[in-house]
Amino acid sequence: MRHLIAVVFALLISGCGLLFSSYNVKPYDEINVFPSSSYGRYVLQVRYHVTRRGGNVHDITDLSKFEEDVSELLYVNSLQGKVTADAIVYKLFRGDTLSRAIRGYVEFDGGFVTINLEKPIYESGTPTNNWDAYRFNGTYRLKLAPNLSSERTPAGAAQFKR
């Protein structure tokens, strides 16, 4: 009986990190737009805030809270109308993950952008025939960098404040 109690107690303690750990992702309501010379004329910065607890998997008592802002980048050649996936390059802000393997479109209209993309589902590093909706699909207000030329930018988009 003592061994059973010890095993149950050990399982309970080791599971505490799982019970109290959390991971919350919240996108911002604006997409930043910058000029680009990399993979398109413009880069759309999809920013989101990450909050998580219990960062150290080796310390079950660690309930520290971590917060950070993270970005994903979409490179496009136009800020007008509908831009289909074959003209979009997707990149994680941290790291070198670069992909043209996306489906869908990005559409600009009156100072807003609608993102409607799908990314392939990978198994063991290889893409499958299955696709998953991009987690930040939705409509966002555009926020333009001050050094963008005004003749090619959407009307109604906000400018960065200096």
C-alpha atoms as a PDB file:
ATOM      1  CA  MET A   1       0.000   0.000   0.000  1.00  0.00           C
ATOM      2  CA  ARG A   2       2.853   2.385   0.783  1.00  0.00           C
ATOM      3  CA  HIS A   3       4.295   1.802  -2.664  1.00  0.00           C
ATOM      4  CA  LEU A   4       0.941   2.586  -4.256  1.00  0.00           C
ATOM      5  CA  ILE A   5       0.657   5.824  -2.296  1.00  0.00           C
ATOM      6  CA  ALA A   6       4.241   6.755  -3.264  1.00  0.00           C
ATOM      7  CA  VAL A   7       3.536   6.072  -6.945  1.00  0.00           C
ATOM      8  CA  VAL A   8       0.285   8.080  -6.885  1.00  0.00           C
ATOM      9  CA  PHE A   9       2.034  10.940  -5.074  1.00  0.00           C
ATOM     10  CA  ALA A  10       4.916  10.932  -7.585  1.00  0.00           C
ATOM     11  CA  LEU A  11       2.473  10.999 -10.517  1.00  0.00           C
ATOM     12  CA  LEU A  12       0.515  13.820  -8.904  1.00  0.00           C
ATOM     13  CA  ILE A  13       3.645  15.903  -8.299  1.00  0.00           C
ATOM     14  CA  SER A  14       5.026  15.306 -11.810  1.00  0.00           C
ATOM     15  CA  GLY A  15       1.679  16.274 -13.330  1.00  0.00           C
ATOM     16  CA  CYS A  16       1.543  19.632 -11.522  1.00  0.00           C
ATOM     17  CA  GLY A  17       3.673  21.280 -14.178  1.00  0.00           C
ATOM     18  CA  LEU A  18       1.190  20.132 -16.800  1.00  0.00           C
ATOM     19  CA  LEU A  19      -1.791  21.284 -14.760  1.00  0.00           C
ATOM     20  CA  PHE A  20      -0.453  24.759 -14.070  1.00  0.00           C
ATOM     21  CA  SER A  21       1.383  25.410 -17.324  1.00  0.00           C
ATOM     22  CA  SER A  22      -0.375  27.530 -19.904  1.00  0.00           C
ATOM     23  CA  TYR A  23       0.286  28.963 -23.330  1.00  0.00           C
ATOM     24  CA  ASN A  24      -1.789  31.874 -24.597  1.00  0.00           C
ATOM     25  CA  VAL A  25      -1.397  33.539 -28.014  1.00  0.00           C
ATOM     26  CA  LYS A  26      -3.189  36.815 -28.793  1.00  0.00           C
ATOM     27  CA  PRO A  27      -2.746  38.575 -32.154  1.00  0.00           C
ATOM     28  CA  TYR A  28      -2.636  42.358 -32.324  1.00  0.00           C
ATOM     29  CA  ASP A  29      -5.448  44.051 -34.260  1.00  0.00           C
ATOM     30  CA  GLU A  30      -3.065  45.804 -36.668  1.00  0.00           C
ATOM     31  CA  ILE A  31      -0.679  44.513 -39.319  1.00  0.00           C
ATOM     32  CA  ASN A  32       2.511  46.549 -39.702  1.00  0.00           C
ATOM     33  CA  VAL A  33       3.634  47.170 -43.292  1.00  0.00           C
ATOM     34  CA  PHE A  34       7.257  47.895 -44.184  1.00  0.00           C
ATOM     35  CA  PRO A  35       9.114  48.246 -47.487  1.00  0.00           C
ATOM     36  CA  SER A  36      11.150  45.161 -48.341  1.00  0.00           C
ATOM     37  CA  SER A  37      13.957  44.212 -50.668  1.00  0.00           C
ATOM     38  CA  SER A  38      13.968  40.520 -49.749  1.00  0.00           C
ATOM     39  CA  TYR A  39      11.126  38.398 -51.115  1.00  0.00           C
ATOM     40  CA  GLY A  40       8.662  41.082 -52.223  1.00  0.00           C
ATOM     41  CA  ARG A  41       8.207  44.854 -52.315  1.00  0.00           C
ATOM     42  CA  TYR A  42       6.398  44.871 -48.962  1.00  0.00           C
ATOM     43  CA  VAL A  43       6.476  42.862 -45.775  1.00  0.00           C
ATOM     44  CA  LEU A  44       3.389  42.409 -43.601  1.00  0.00           C
ATOM     45  CA  GLN A  45       4.324  41.886 -39.960  1.00  0.00           C
ATOM     46  CA  VAL A  46       1.723  39.711 -38.219  1.00  0.00           C
ATOM     47  CA  ARG A  47       2.456  40.424 -34.546  1.00  0.00           C
ATOM     48  CA  TYR A  48       1.140  38.450 -31.604  1.00  0.00           C
ATOM     49  CA  HIS A  49       1.683  38.387 -27.856  1.00  0.00           C
ATOM     50  CA  VAL A  50       2.591  35.112 -26.148  1.00  0.00           C
ATOM     51  CA  THR A  51       2.051  34.499 -22.436  1.00  0.00           C
ATOM     52  CA  ARG A  52       3.101  31.241 -20.874  1.00  0.00           C
ATOM     53  CA  ARG A  53       3.738  29.712 -17.470  1.00  0.00           C
ATOM     54  CA  GLY A  54       5.854  26.849 -16.274  1.00  0.00           C
ATOM     55  CA  GLY A  55       8.746  27.265 -18.672  1.00  0.00           C
ATOM     56  CA  ASN A  56      11.219  24.820 -17.130  1.00  0.00           C
ATOM     57  CA  VAL A  57      10.164  21.227 -17.804  1.00  0.00           C
ATOM     58  CA  HIS A  58      12.928  19.982 -15.469  1.00  0.00           C
ATOM     59  CA  ASP A  59      11.564  21.892 -12.468  1.00  0.00           C
ATOM     60  CA  ILE A  60       7.981  20.936 -11.651  1.00  0.00           C
ATOM     61  CA  THR A  61       7.702  23.790  -9.159  1.00  0.00           C
ATOM     62  CA  ASP A  62       8.566  26.452 -11.776  1.00  0.00           C
ATOM     63  CA  LEU A  63       5.422  28.487 -12.374  1.00  0.00           C
ATOM     64  CA  SER A  64       7.261  31.543 -13.704  1.00  0.00           C
ATOM     65  CA  LYS A  65       5.358  33.730 -16.148  1.00  0.00           C
ATOM     66  CA  PHE A  66       7.005  34.556 -19.481  1.00  0.00           C
ATOM     67  CA  GLU A  67       5.711  37.119 -21.985  1.00  0.00           C
ATOM     68  CA  GLU A  68       7.023  38.105 -25.394  1.00  0.00           C
ATOM     69  CA  ASP A  69       5.979  39.628 -28.693  1.00  0.00           C
ATOM     70  CA  VAL A  70       6.558  37.419 -31.726  1.00  0.00           C
ATOM     71  CA  SER A  71       6.029  38.042 -35.435  1.00  0.00           C
ATOM     72  CA  GLU A  72       5.395  36.126 -38.607  1.00  0.00           C
ATOM     73  CA  LEU A  73       6.105  37.811 -41.934  1.00  0.00           C
ATOM     74  CA  LEU A  74       4.201  37.751 -45.223  1.00  0.00           C
ATOM     75  CA  TYR A  75       6.049  39.161 -48.237  1.00  0.00           C
ATOM     76  CA  VAL A  76       3.915  40.578 -51.075  1.00  0.00           C
ATOM     77  CA  ASN A  77       4.505  42.710 -54.177  1.00  0.00           C
ATOM     78  CA  SER A  78       1.282  44.727 -53.959  1.00  0.00           C
ATOM     79  CA  LEU A  79      -0.883  46.372 -51.316  1.00  0.00           C
ATOM     80  CA  GLN A  80      -3.864  46.608 -53.663  1.00  0.00           C
ATOM     81  CA  GLY A  81      -6.707  44.119 -54.217  1.00  0.00           C
ATOM     82  CA  LYS A  82      -6.333  40.362 -53.839  1.00  0.00           C
ATOM     83  CA  VAL A  83      -2.861  38.789 -53.711  1.00  0.00           C
ATOM     84  CA  THR A  84      -2.978  35.019 -54.207  1.00  0.00           C
ATOM     85  CA  ALA A  85      -0.751  32.554 -52.384  1.00  0.00           C
ATOM     86  CA  ASP A  86       1.525  31.976 -55.390  1.00  0.00           C
ATOM     87  CA  ALA A  87       2.715  35.600 -54.930  1.00  0.00           C
ATOM     88  CA  ILE A  88       3.185  35.408 -51.126  1.00  0.00           C
ATOM     89  CA  VAL A  89       6.230  34.238 -49.187  1.00  0.00           C
ATOM     90  CA  TYR A  90       5.716  33.260 -45.521  1.00  0.00           C
ATOM     91  CA  LYS A  91       8.481  33.499 -42.916  1.00  0.00           C
ATOM     92  CA  LEU A  92       8.766  33.106 -39.170  1.00  0.00           C
ATOM     93  CA  PHE A  93      10.375  36.227 -37.700  1.00  0.00           C
ATOM     94  CA  ARG A  94      12.777  34.224 -35.546  1.00  0.00           C
ATOM     95  CA  GLY A  95      14.707  31.687 -37.541  1.00  0.00           C
ATOM     96  CA  ASP A  96      15.087  30.954 -41.198  1.00  0.00           C
ATOM     97  CA  THR A  97      11.815  29.133 -41.823  1.00  0.00           C
ATOM     98  CA  LEU A  98      10.751  30.336 -45.261  1.00  0.00           C
ATOM     99  CA  SER A  99       7.878  28.895 -47.236  1.00  0.00           C
ATOM    100  CA  ARG A 100       5.974  29.333 -50.452  1.00  0.00           C
ATOM    101  CA  ALA A 101       3.889  26.268 -49.562  1.00  0.00           C
ATOM    102  CA  ILE A 102       0.702  28.106 -48.667  1.00  0.00           C
ATOM    103  CA  ARG A 103      -2.751  28.341 -50.221  1.00  0.00           C
ATOM    104  CA  GLY A 104      -5.338  31.105 -50.198  1.00  0.00           C
ATOM    105  CA  TYR A 105      -4.981  34.865 -50.467  1.00  0.00           C
ATOM    106  CA  VAL A 106      -4.408  38.206 -48.762  1.00  0.00           C
ATOM    107  CA  GLU A 107      -6.825  40.992 -49.754  1.00  0.00           C
ATOM    108  CA  PHE A 108      -6.400  44.733 -49.242  1.00  0.00           C
ATOM    109  CA  ASP A 109      -9.425  47.016 -48.989  1.00  0.00           C
ATOM    110  CA  GLY A 110      -9.747  50.546 -47.587  1.00  0.00           C
ATOM    111  CA  GLY A 111      -6.960  50.484 -45.012  1.00  0.00           C
ATOM    112  CA  PHE A 112      -7.642  46.888 -43.967  1.00  0.00           C
ATOM    113  CA  VAL A 113      -6.176  43.544 -44.925  1.00  0.00           C
ATOM    114  CA  THR A 114      -7.979  40.209 -44.844  1.00  0.00           C
ATOM    115  CA  ILE A 115      -5.778  37.145 -44.447  1.00  0.00           C
ATOM    116  CA  ASN A 116      -7.258  33.849 -45.647  1.00  0.00           C
ATOM    117  CA  LEU A 117      -4.434  31.323 -45.900  1.00  0.00           C
ATOM    118  CA  GLU A 118      -3.791  27.632 -45.338  1.00  0.00           C
ATOM    119  CA  LYS A 119      -0.496  25.962 -44.457  1.00  0.00           C
ATOM    120  CA  PRO A 120       0.390  22.307 -45.092  1.00  0.00           C
ATOM    121  CA  ILE A 121       0.362  19.876 -42.184  1.00  0.00           C
ATOM    122  CA  TYR A 122       3.756  18.228 -41.709  1.00  0.00           C
ATOM    123  CA  GLU A 123       4.547  14.760 -40.400  1.00  0.00           C
ATOM    124  CA  SER A 124       8.170  14.011 -39.533  1.00  0.00           C
ATOM    125  CA  GLY A 125       9.275  17.136 -41.400  1.00  0.00           C
ATOM    126  CA  THR A 126       7.482  16.179 -44.617  1.00  0.00           C
ATOM    127  CA  PRO A 127       4.326  17.948 -45.868  1.00  0.00           C
ATOM    128  CA  THR A 128       1.236  15.784 -46.150  1.00  0.00           C
ATOM    129  CA  ASN A 129      -1.730  16.255 -48.492  1.00  0.00           C
ATOM    130  CA  ASN A 130      -3.631  17.848 -45.614  1.00  0.00           C
ATOM    131  CA  TRP A 131      -3.916  21.589 -44.986  1.00  0.00           C
ATOM    132  CA  ASP A 132      -4.706  23.617 -41.882  1.00  0.00           C
ATOM    133  CA  ALA A 133      -6.100  27.152 -41.649  1.00  0.00           C
ATOM    134  CA  TYR A 134      -3.469  29.782 -40.846  1.00  0.00           C
ATOM    135  CA  ARG A 135      -3.942  30.608 -37.180  1.00  0.00           C
ATOM    136  CA  PHE A 136      -4.068  34.369 -37.806  1.00  0.00           C
ATOM    137  CA  ASN A 137      -6.688  34.408 -40.553  1.00  0.00           C
ATOM    138  CA  GLY A 138      -8.926  37.437 -40.149  1.00  0.00           C
ATOM    139  CA  THR A 139      -9.272  41.128 -40.961  1.00  0.00           C
ATOM    140  CA  TYR A 140      -6.787  43.633 -39.564  1.00  0.00           C
ATOM    141  CA  ARG A 141      -6.170  47.384 -39.847  1.00  0.00           C
ATOM    142  CA  LEU A 142      -3.028  48.222 -41.832  1.00  0.00           C
ATOM    143  CA  LYS A 143      -0.361  50.320 -40.132  1.00  0.00           C
ATOM    144  CA  LEU A 144       2.119  51.732 -42.670  1.00  0.00           C
ATOM    145  CA  ALA A 145       5.765  52.580 -42.042  1.00  0.00           C
ATOM    146  CA  PRO A 146       6.507  56.287 -42.664  1.00  0.00           C
ATOM    147  CA  ASN A 147       8.989  55.512 -45.457  1.00  0.00           C
ATOM    148  CA  LEU A 148       6.415  53.832 -47.734  1.00  0.00           C
ATOM    149  CA  SER A 149       5.634  55.781 -50.877  1.00  0.00           C
ATOM    150  CA  SER A 150       2.056  57.050 -50.725  1.00  0.00           C
ATOM    151  CA  GLU A 151       1.167  56.445 -54.396  1.00  0.00           C
ATOM    152  CA  ARG A 152       1.049  52.656 -53.918  1.00  0.00           C
ATOM    153  CA  THR A 153      -0.405  52.347 -50.440  1.00  0.00           C
ATOM    154  CA  PRO A 154      -4.077  51.747 -49.606  1.00  0.00           C
ATOM    155  CA  ALA A 155      -6.261  54.700 -48.734  1.00  0.00           C
ATOM    156  CA  GLY A 156      -7.392  54.682 -45.119  1.00  0.00           C
ATOM    157  CA  ALA A 157      -4.348  52.874 -43.738  1.00  0.00           C
ATOM    158  CA  ALA A 158      -2.870  54.328 -40.560  1.00  0.00           C
ATOM    159  CA  GLN A 159       0.688  55.697 -40.511  1.00  0.00           C
ATOM    160  CA  PHE A 160       3.236  54.962 -37.805  1.00  0.00           C
ATOM    161  CA  LYS A 161       3.603  57.870 -35.395  1.00  0.00           C
ATOM    162  CA  ARG A 162       7.026  59.447 -35.270  1.00  0.00           C
END
